[in-house]
Structures are given as C-alpha cells and as structure tokens.
C-alpha cells in the first residue's frame, strides 16, 4: 500500500526567521524547548550529555582567555542568518555585532558546534548554512572521534567550505580568526 504523502518533503512549508520569532513571542515555542530554525525548518535537538557540556565549558574557558575587548564569546546564543537561527555551542563575534538590542548577531568570526548525536546535522545542514552566510571559520568538535573538524574558506554560492581539515590529539588547533588561540584537541576530552 502506498504512502498517503509519497513526497512529504515537497508538502512541507518553510518558515521565516520573523515567523519563528513570533512563535517564540506567542509562547508556541517554550524557552526550554530544544529547537532551532535551520534553513526554514524547525529542528528538534537532543538534550546535552555530560561530555558535551564539559567540552563546551573547556572551550569556553580557553576562548575567554584568548579574546580581547573587541571580540565577544557567545555560548549557545542565537545567530540570525537569512533563513535560519541556529544556536551554536560557541561563537566568536565582533563586539559591535552584539550591541544591537533589535536583533542577534548576523555573522561571526568563528562558529563551534560540539557534536555527538548531531554530527550529521552539523556536517551537512549547519555547515552549508554557515558557508552560505560566509562564516569564515567553522569547527565541529567530534565527540565520538575526539577530533576537531576545521572548515575554512566558505563559498556562499555553493554552501560549501573549500578547505577542511581534521585535527587530532597531539596536534595543534589554531584559529585563523583569532591568531592568539591555539590548543591541543586532547585538552578538550581529558
């Protein structure tokens, strides 16, 4: 027997960032719901596990030490893009991008996602939206492999990053966007 909706994706209605904000304001989406707007689609995310939270804490501490007054470290706050409003685990944003009381930052120097169950989402959908938004540098901290996947040189037209590398424990991870920031990925997992 055939499916009632053979191509369910073709029947879906995408929502805009403004509609997403109105849903939050109207209480349709609660503050403690784990959803993000990714490419016009509401995506439910699993709650964080202990390792996920610990890695975010360790990275946050390192980032806070490395930045000056002109860069802000944002931890799990929205980043408003054309058709998306992800809440990356960490972002480095220029201080002038954060000053607006009207909207969230619309770009970042560095976006970091810590990925366990969300690895496919982070590698595909989120990488594409960050590249389309011309985010210069995107890191995926891969919890299952204890590595950091570094994406640089975004192509906004194709939604792809031209340069990709995997940094393992014992190697040096450096941020192109923050010359003073470097670490050994093993520090994140110990």
C-alpha atoms as a PDB file:
ATOM      1  CA  UNK A   1       0.000   0.000   0.000  1.00  0.00           C
ATOM      2  CA  UNK A   2       1.378   3.424  -0.993  1.00  0.00           C
ATOM      3  CA  UNK A   3       2.075   6.227   1.441  1.00  0.00           C
ATOM      4  CA  UNK A   4      -0.563   8.916   1.929  1.00  0.00           C
ATOM      5  CA  UNK A   5       2.169  11.515   1.325  1.00  0.00           C
ATOM      6  CA  UNK A   6       4.733   9.924  -1.011  1.00  0.00           C
ATOM      7  CA  UNK A   7       6.910  13.056  -1.046  1.00  0.00           C
ATOM      8  CA  UNK A   8       6.316  14.581   2.362  1.00  0.00           C
ATOM      9  CA  UNK A   9       9.225  16.969   1.953  1.00  0.00           C
ATOM     10  CA  UNK A  10       7.557  18.538  -1.098  1.00  0.00           C
ATOM     11  CA  UNK A  11       4.479  19.237   1.068  1.00  0.00           C
ATOM     12  CA  UNK A  12       6.363  20.995   3.859  1.00  0.00           C
ATOM     13  CA  UNK A  13       6.064  24.744   4.402  1.00  0.00           C
ATOM     14  CA  UNK A  14       9.224  26.538   5.370  1.00  0.00           C
ATOM     15  CA  UNK A  15       9.024  29.295   7.971  1.00  0.00           C
ATOM     16  CA  UNK A  16      10.876  32.583   8.065  1.00  0.00           C
ATOM     17  CA  UNK A  17      13.030  33.955  10.861  1.00  0.00           C
ATOM     18  CA  UNK A  18      10.303  36.537  11.599  1.00  0.00           C
ATOM     19  CA  UNK A  19       7.656  33.804  11.888  1.00  0.00           C
ATOM     20  CA  UNK A  20       9.985  31.853  14.177  1.00  0.00           C
ATOM     21  CA  UNK A  21      10.375  34.908  16.425  1.00  0.00           C
ATOM     22  CA  UNK A  22       6.599  35.412  16.512  1.00  0.00           C
ATOM     23  CA  UNK A  23       6.138  31.749  17.520  1.00  0.00           C
ATOM     24  CA  UNK A  24       8.515  32.315  20.442  1.00  0.00           C
ATOM     25  CA  UNK A  25       6.811  35.582  21.440  1.00  0.00           C
ATOM     26  CA  UNK A  26       3.372  33.928  21.290  1.00  0.00           C
ATOM     27  CA  UNK A  27       4.543  31.096  23.543  1.00  0.00           C
ATOM     28  CA  UNK A  28       4.114  28.442  20.865  1.00  0.00           C
ATOM     29  CA  UNK A  29       7.758  27.519  21.391  1.00  0.00           C
ATOM     30  CA  UNK A  30       8.843  27.472  25.030  1.00  0.00           C
ATOM     31  CA  UNK A  31      12.176  28.775  26.297  1.00  0.00           C
ATOM     32  CA  UNK A  32      13.221  25.290  27.397  1.00  0.00           C
ATOM     33  CA  UNK A  33      12.377  23.543  24.124  1.00  0.00           C
ATOM     34  CA  UNK A  34      15.413  22.297  22.258  1.00  0.00           C
ATOM     35  CA  UNK A  35      14.567  23.539  18.759  1.00  0.00           C
ATOM     36  CA  UNK A  36      16.422  25.663  16.246  1.00  0.00           C
ATOM     37  CA  UNK A  37      15.428  27.125  12.902  1.00  0.00           C
ATOM     38  CA  UNK A  38      17.697  25.566  10.278  1.00  0.00           C
ATOM     39  CA  UNK A  39      17.114  26.501   6.631  1.00  0.00           C
ATOM     40  CA  UNK A  40      13.470  27.347   7.265  1.00  0.00           C
ATOM     41  CA  UNK A  41      12.735  24.135   9.193  1.00  0.00           C
ATOM     42  CA  UNK A  42      12.269  23.661  12.932  1.00  0.00           C
ATOM     43  CA  UNK A  43      14.786  21.066  14.070  1.00  0.00           C
ATOM     44  CA  UNK A  44      14.430  19.320  17.433  1.00  0.00           C
ATOM     45  CA  UNK A  45      17.736  18.640  19.156  1.00  0.00           C
ATOM     46  CA  UNK A  46      18.568  16.118  21.858  1.00  0.00           C
ATOM     47  CA  UNK A  47      19.461  17.430  25.316  1.00  0.00           C
ATOM     48  CA  UNK A  48      23.176  17.695  26.065  1.00  0.00           C
ATOM     49  CA  UNK A  49      25.049  14.833  27.617  1.00  0.00           C
ATOM     50  CA  UNK A  50      27.716  15.301  30.274  1.00  0.00           C
ATOM     51  CA  UNK A  51      30.710  15.090  27.902  1.00  0.00           C
ATOM     52  CA  UNK A  52      29.058  17.588  25.528  1.00  0.00           C
ATOM     53  CA  UNK A  53      28.600  20.080  28.386  1.00  0.00           C
ATOM     54  CA  UNK A  54      32.152  19.550  29.699  1.00  0.00           C
ATOM     55  CA  UNK A  55      33.707  20.153  26.284  1.00  0.00           C
ATOM     56  CA  UNK A  56      31.704  23.373  25.893  1.00  0.00           C
ATOM     57  CA  UNK A  57      32.922  24.535  29.325  1.00  0.00           C
ATOM     58  CA  UNK A  58      36.558  23.767  28.495  1.00  0.00           C
ATOM     59  CA  UNK A  59      36.354  25.505  25.138  1.00  0.00           C
ATOM     60  CA  UNK A  60      34.540  28.483  26.627  1.00  0.00           C
ATOM     61  CA  UNK A  61      37.283  28.921  29.221  1.00  0.00           C
ATOM     62  CA  UNK A  62      40.005  28.795  26.533  1.00  0.00           C
ATOM     63  CA  UNK A  63      38.167  31.220  24.270  1.00  0.00           C
ATOM     64  CA  UNK A  64      37.526  33.707  27.082  1.00  0.00           C
ATOM     65  CA  UNK A  65      41.269  33.807  27.839  1.00  0.00           C
ATOM     66  CA  UNK A  66      42.202  34.294  24.177  1.00  0.00           C
ATOM     67  CA  UNK A  67      39.915  37.154  23.135  1.00  0.00           C
ATOM     68  CA  UNK A  68      40.335  40.870  23.694  1.00  0.00           C
ATOM     69  CA  UNK A  69      37.713  43.527  24.304  1.00  0.00           C
ATOM     70  CA  UNK A  70      36.796  43.727  20.619  1.00  0.00           C
ATOM     71  CA  UNK A  71      35.542  40.100  20.465  1.00  0.00           C
ATOM     72  CA  UNK A  72      32.720  38.511  22.471  1.00  0.00           C
ATOM     73  CA  UNK A  73      32.418  34.795  23.244  1.00  0.00           C
ATOM     74  CA  UNK A  74      28.775  33.733  22.971  1.00  0.00           C
ATOM     75  CA  UNK A  75      27.710  30.417  24.463  1.00  0.00           C
ATOM     76  CA  UNK A  76      24.598  28.808  22.951  1.00  0.00           C
ATOM     77  CA  UNK A  77      23.027  32.097  21.858  1.00  0.00           C
ATOM     78  CA  UNK A  78      21.231  32.656  18.544  1.00  0.00           C
ATOM     79  CA  UNK A  79      22.930  33.735  15.366  1.00  0.00           C
ATOM     80  CA  UNK A  80      20.407  35.170  12.902  1.00  0.00           C
ATOM     81  CA  UNK A  81      21.092  34.195   9.296  1.00  0.00           C
ATOM     82  CA  UNK A  82      18.948  34.623   6.174  1.00  0.00           C
ATOM     83  CA  UNK A  83      16.586  31.672   6.722  1.00  0.00           C
ATOM     84  CA  UNK A  84      17.964  30.233   9.939  1.00  0.00           C
ATOM     85  CA  UNK A  85      18.552  30.972  13.570  1.00  0.00           C
ATOM     86  CA  UNK A  86      20.889  28.318  14.921  1.00  0.00           C
ATOM     87  CA  UNK A  87      22.222  28.441  18.469  1.00  0.00           C
ATOM     88  CA  UNK A  88      25.815  27.299  18.045  1.00  0.00           C
ATOM     89  CA  UNK A  89      27.538  25.910  21.097  1.00  0.00           C
ATOM     90  CA  UNK A  90      30.083  28.737  20.897  1.00  0.00           C
ATOM     91  CA  UNK A  91      30.675  31.725  18.648  1.00  0.00           C
ATOM     92  CA  UNK A  92      33.277  34.435  18.479  1.00  0.00           C
ATOM     93  CA  UNK A  93      31.585  37.650  17.419  1.00  0.00           C
ATOM     94  CA  UNK A  94      32.929  41.161  16.991  1.00  0.00           C
ATOM     95  CA  UNK A  95      31.753  43.327  19.883  1.00  0.00           C
ATOM     96  CA  UNK A  96      29.996  45.775  17.535  1.00  0.00           C
ATOM     97  CA  UNK A  97      27.833  42.890  16.214  1.00  0.00           C
ATOM     98  CA  UNK A  98      26.438  42.297  19.716  1.00  0.00           C
ATOM     99  CA  UNK A  99      25.487  45.887  20.530  1.00  0.00           C
ATOM    100  CA  UNK A 100      22.104  45.867  18.798  1.00  0.00           C
ATOM    101  CA  UNK A 101      19.081  45.419  21.030  1.00  0.00           C
ATOM    102  CA  UNK A 102      16.963  44.842  17.920  1.00  0.00           C
ATOM    103  CA  UNK A 103      18.480  41.587  16.668  1.00  0.00           C
ATOM    104  CA  UNK A 104      21.002  38.843  17.332  1.00  0.00           C
ATOM    105  CA  UNK A 105      24.396  38.954  15.579  1.00  0.00           C
ATOM    106  CA  UNK A 106      24.195  38.190  11.884  1.00  0.00           C
ATOM    107  CA  UNK A 107      27.737  36.947  11.441  1.00  0.00           C
ATOM    108  CA  UNK A 108      30.625  35.523  13.440  1.00  0.00           C
ATOM    109  CA  UNK A 109      34.379  35.168  13.214  1.00  0.00           C
ATOM    110  CA  UNK A 110      34.237  31.548  14.367  1.00  0.00           C
ATOM    111  CA  UNK A 111      31.348  29.160  14.972  1.00  0.00           C
ATOM    112  CA  UNK A 112      31.861  25.991  17.027  1.00  0.00           C
ATOM    113  CA  UNK A 113      29.444  23.077  17.303  1.00  0.00           C
ATOM    114  CA  UNK A 114      30.094  20.206  19.717  1.00  0.00           C
ATOM    115  CA  UNK A 115      28.685  17.128  18.030  1.00  0.00           C
ATOM    116  CA  UNK A 116      27.554  13.801  19.384  1.00  0.00           C
ATOM    117  CA  UNK A 117      24.183  12.712  18.027  1.00  0.00           C
ATOM    118  CA  UNK A 118      24.037  15.911  15.957  1.00  0.00           C
ATOM    119  CA  UNK A 119      27.159  15.106  13.899  1.00  0.00           C
ATOM    120  CA  UNK A 120      25.346  14.600  10.576  1.00  0.00           C
ATOM    121  CA  UNK A 121      23.280  17.765  11.073  1.00  0.00           C
ATOM    122  CA  UNK A 122      26.423  19.743  11.948  1.00  0.00           C
ATOM    123  CA  UNK A 123      28.429  18.372   9.000  1.00  0.00           C
ATOM    124  CA  UNK A 124      25.707  18.830   6.412  1.00  0.00           C
ATOM    125  CA  UNK A 125      22.920  21.297   7.138  1.00  0.00           C
ATOM    126  CA  UNK A 126      24.756  23.575   9.543  1.00  0.00           C
ATOM    127  CA  UNK A 127      27.994  23.576   7.535  1.00  0.00           C
ATOM    128  CA  UNK A 128      26.004  24.590   4.456  1.00  0.00           C
ATOM    129  CA  UNK A 129      24.180  27.410   6.202  1.00  0.00           C
ATOM    130  CA  UNK A 130      27.380  28.765   7.796  1.00  0.00           C
ATOM    131  CA  UNK A 131      29.162  28.643   4.421  1.00  0.00           C
ATOM    132  CA  UNK A 132      26.212  30.396   2.726  1.00  0.00           C
ATOM    133  CA  UNK A 133      26.435  33.067   5.450  1.00  0.00           C
ATOM    134  CA  UNK A 134      30.182  33.464   4.712  1.00  0.00           C
ATOM    135  CA  UNK A 135      31.229  32.471   8.239  1.00  0.00           C
ATOM    136  CA  UNK A 136      34.995  32.369   7.709  1.00  0.00           C
ATOM    137  CA  UNK A 137      35.714  29.525  10.121  1.00  0.00           C
ATOM    138  CA  UNK A 138      33.585  26.678  11.462  1.00  0.00           C
ATOM    139  CA  UNK A 139      34.726  23.960  13.875  1.00  0.00           C
ATOM    140  CA  UNK A 140      32.920  20.720  14.669  1.00  0.00           C
ATOM    141  CA  UNK A 141      34.156  19.076  17.857  1.00  0.00           C
ATOM    142  CA  UNK A 142      33.506  15.410  17.107  1.00  0.00           C
ATOM    143  CA  UNK A 143      32.854  13.725  20.457  1.00  0.00           C
ATOM    144  CA  UNK A 144      32.901  10.174  19.116  1.00  0.00           C
ATOM    145  CA  UNK A 145      36.335  10.523  17.453  1.00  0.00           C
ATOM    146  CA  UNK A 146      37.857  13.059  19.907  1.00  0.00           C
ATOM    147  CA  UNK A 147      38.820  15.289  16.975  1.00  0.00           C
ATOM    148  CA  UNK A 148      38.023  18.763  15.701  1.00  0.00           C
ATOM    149  CA  UNK A 149      36.898  19.188  12.102  1.00  0.00           C
ATOM    150  CA  UNK A 150      38.004  22.590  10.825  1.00  0.00           C
ATOM    151  CA  UNK A 151      36.175  24.233   7.920  1.00  0.00           C
ATOM    152  CA  UNK A 152      37.543  27.373   6.246  1.00  0.00           C
ATOM    153  CA  UNK A 153      37.170  29.338   3.006  1.00  0.00           C
ATOM    154  CA  UNK A 154      33.384  29.392   2.672  1.00  0.00           C
ATOM    155  CA  UNK A 155      31.759  29.589  -0.742  1.00  0.00           C
ATOM    156  CA  UNK A 156      28.413  31.357  -0.168  1.00  0.00           C
ATOM    157  CA  UNK A 157      27.196  30.397  -3.644  1.00  0.00           C
ATOM    158  CA  UNK A 158      27.568  26.628  -3.226  1.00  0.00           C
ATOM    159  CA  UNK A 159      27.179  26.462   0.566  1.00  0.00           C
ATOM    160  CA  UNK A 160      30.447  24.544   0.860  1.00  0.00           C
ATOM    161  CA  UNK A 161      33.745  25.139   2.609  1.00  0.00           C
ATOM    162  CA  UNK A 162      36.735  24.827   0.271  1.00  0.00           C
ATOM    163  CA  UNK A 163      39.258  23.933   2.985  1.00  0.00           C
ATOM    164  CA  UNK A 164      38.669  21.164   5.528  1.00  0.00           C
ATOM    165  CA  UNK A 165      40.999  19.502   7.994  1.00  0.00           C
ATOM    166  CA  UNK A 166      40.767  17.115  10.927  1.00  0.00           C
ATOM    167  CA  UNK A 167      42.873  17.963  13.972  1.00  0.00           C
ATOM    168  CA  UNK A 168      43.607  15.132  16.408  1.00  0.00           C
ATOM    169  CA  UNK A 169      45.020  14.967  19.915  1.00  0.00           C
ATOM    170  CA  UNK A 170      48.739  15.743  19.951  1.00  0.00           C
ATOM    171  CA  UNK A 171      48.307  18.223  17.089  1.00  0.00           C
ATOM    172  CA  UNK A 172      47.789  21.983  17.312  1.00  0.00           C
ATOM    173  CA  UNK A 173      44.418  23.504  16.554  1.00  0.00           C
ATOM    174  CA  UNK A 174      44.731  27.203  15.677  1.00  0.00           C
ATOM    175  CA  UNK A 175      42.010  29.670  14.828  1.00  0.00           C
ATOM    176  CA  UNK A 176      42.656  31.689  11.682  1.00  0.00           C
ATOM    177  CA  UNK A 177      40.184  34.265  13.001  1.00  0.00           C
ATOM    178  CA  UNK A 178      41.973  34.581  16.374  1.00  0.00           C
ATOM    179  CA  UNK A 179      45.762  34.320  15.965  1.00  0.00           C
ATOM    180  CA  UNK A 180      46.281  34.021  19.749  1.00  0.00           C
ATOM    181  CA  UNK A 181      44.038  30.979  20.038  1.00  0.00           C
ATOM    182  CA  UNK A 182      45.617  27.561  19.759  1.00  0.00           C
ATOM    183  CA  UNK A 183      45.150  24.320  21.662  1.00  0.00           C
ATOM    184  CA  UNK A 184      45.646  20.593  21.545  1.00  0.00           C
ATOM    185  CA  UNK A 185      42.244  18.924  20.978  1.00  0.00           C
ATOM    186  CA  UNK A 186      43.192  16.304  23.608  1.00  0.00           C
ATOM    187  CA  UNK A 187      42.716  19.051  26.233  1.00  0.00           C
ATOM    188  CA  UNK A 188      39.010  19.143  25.415  1.00  0.00           C
ATOM    189  CA  UNK A 189      38.445  15.467  26.172  1.00  0.00           C
ATOM    190  CA  UNK A 190      40.517  14.918  29.319  1.00  0.00           C
END
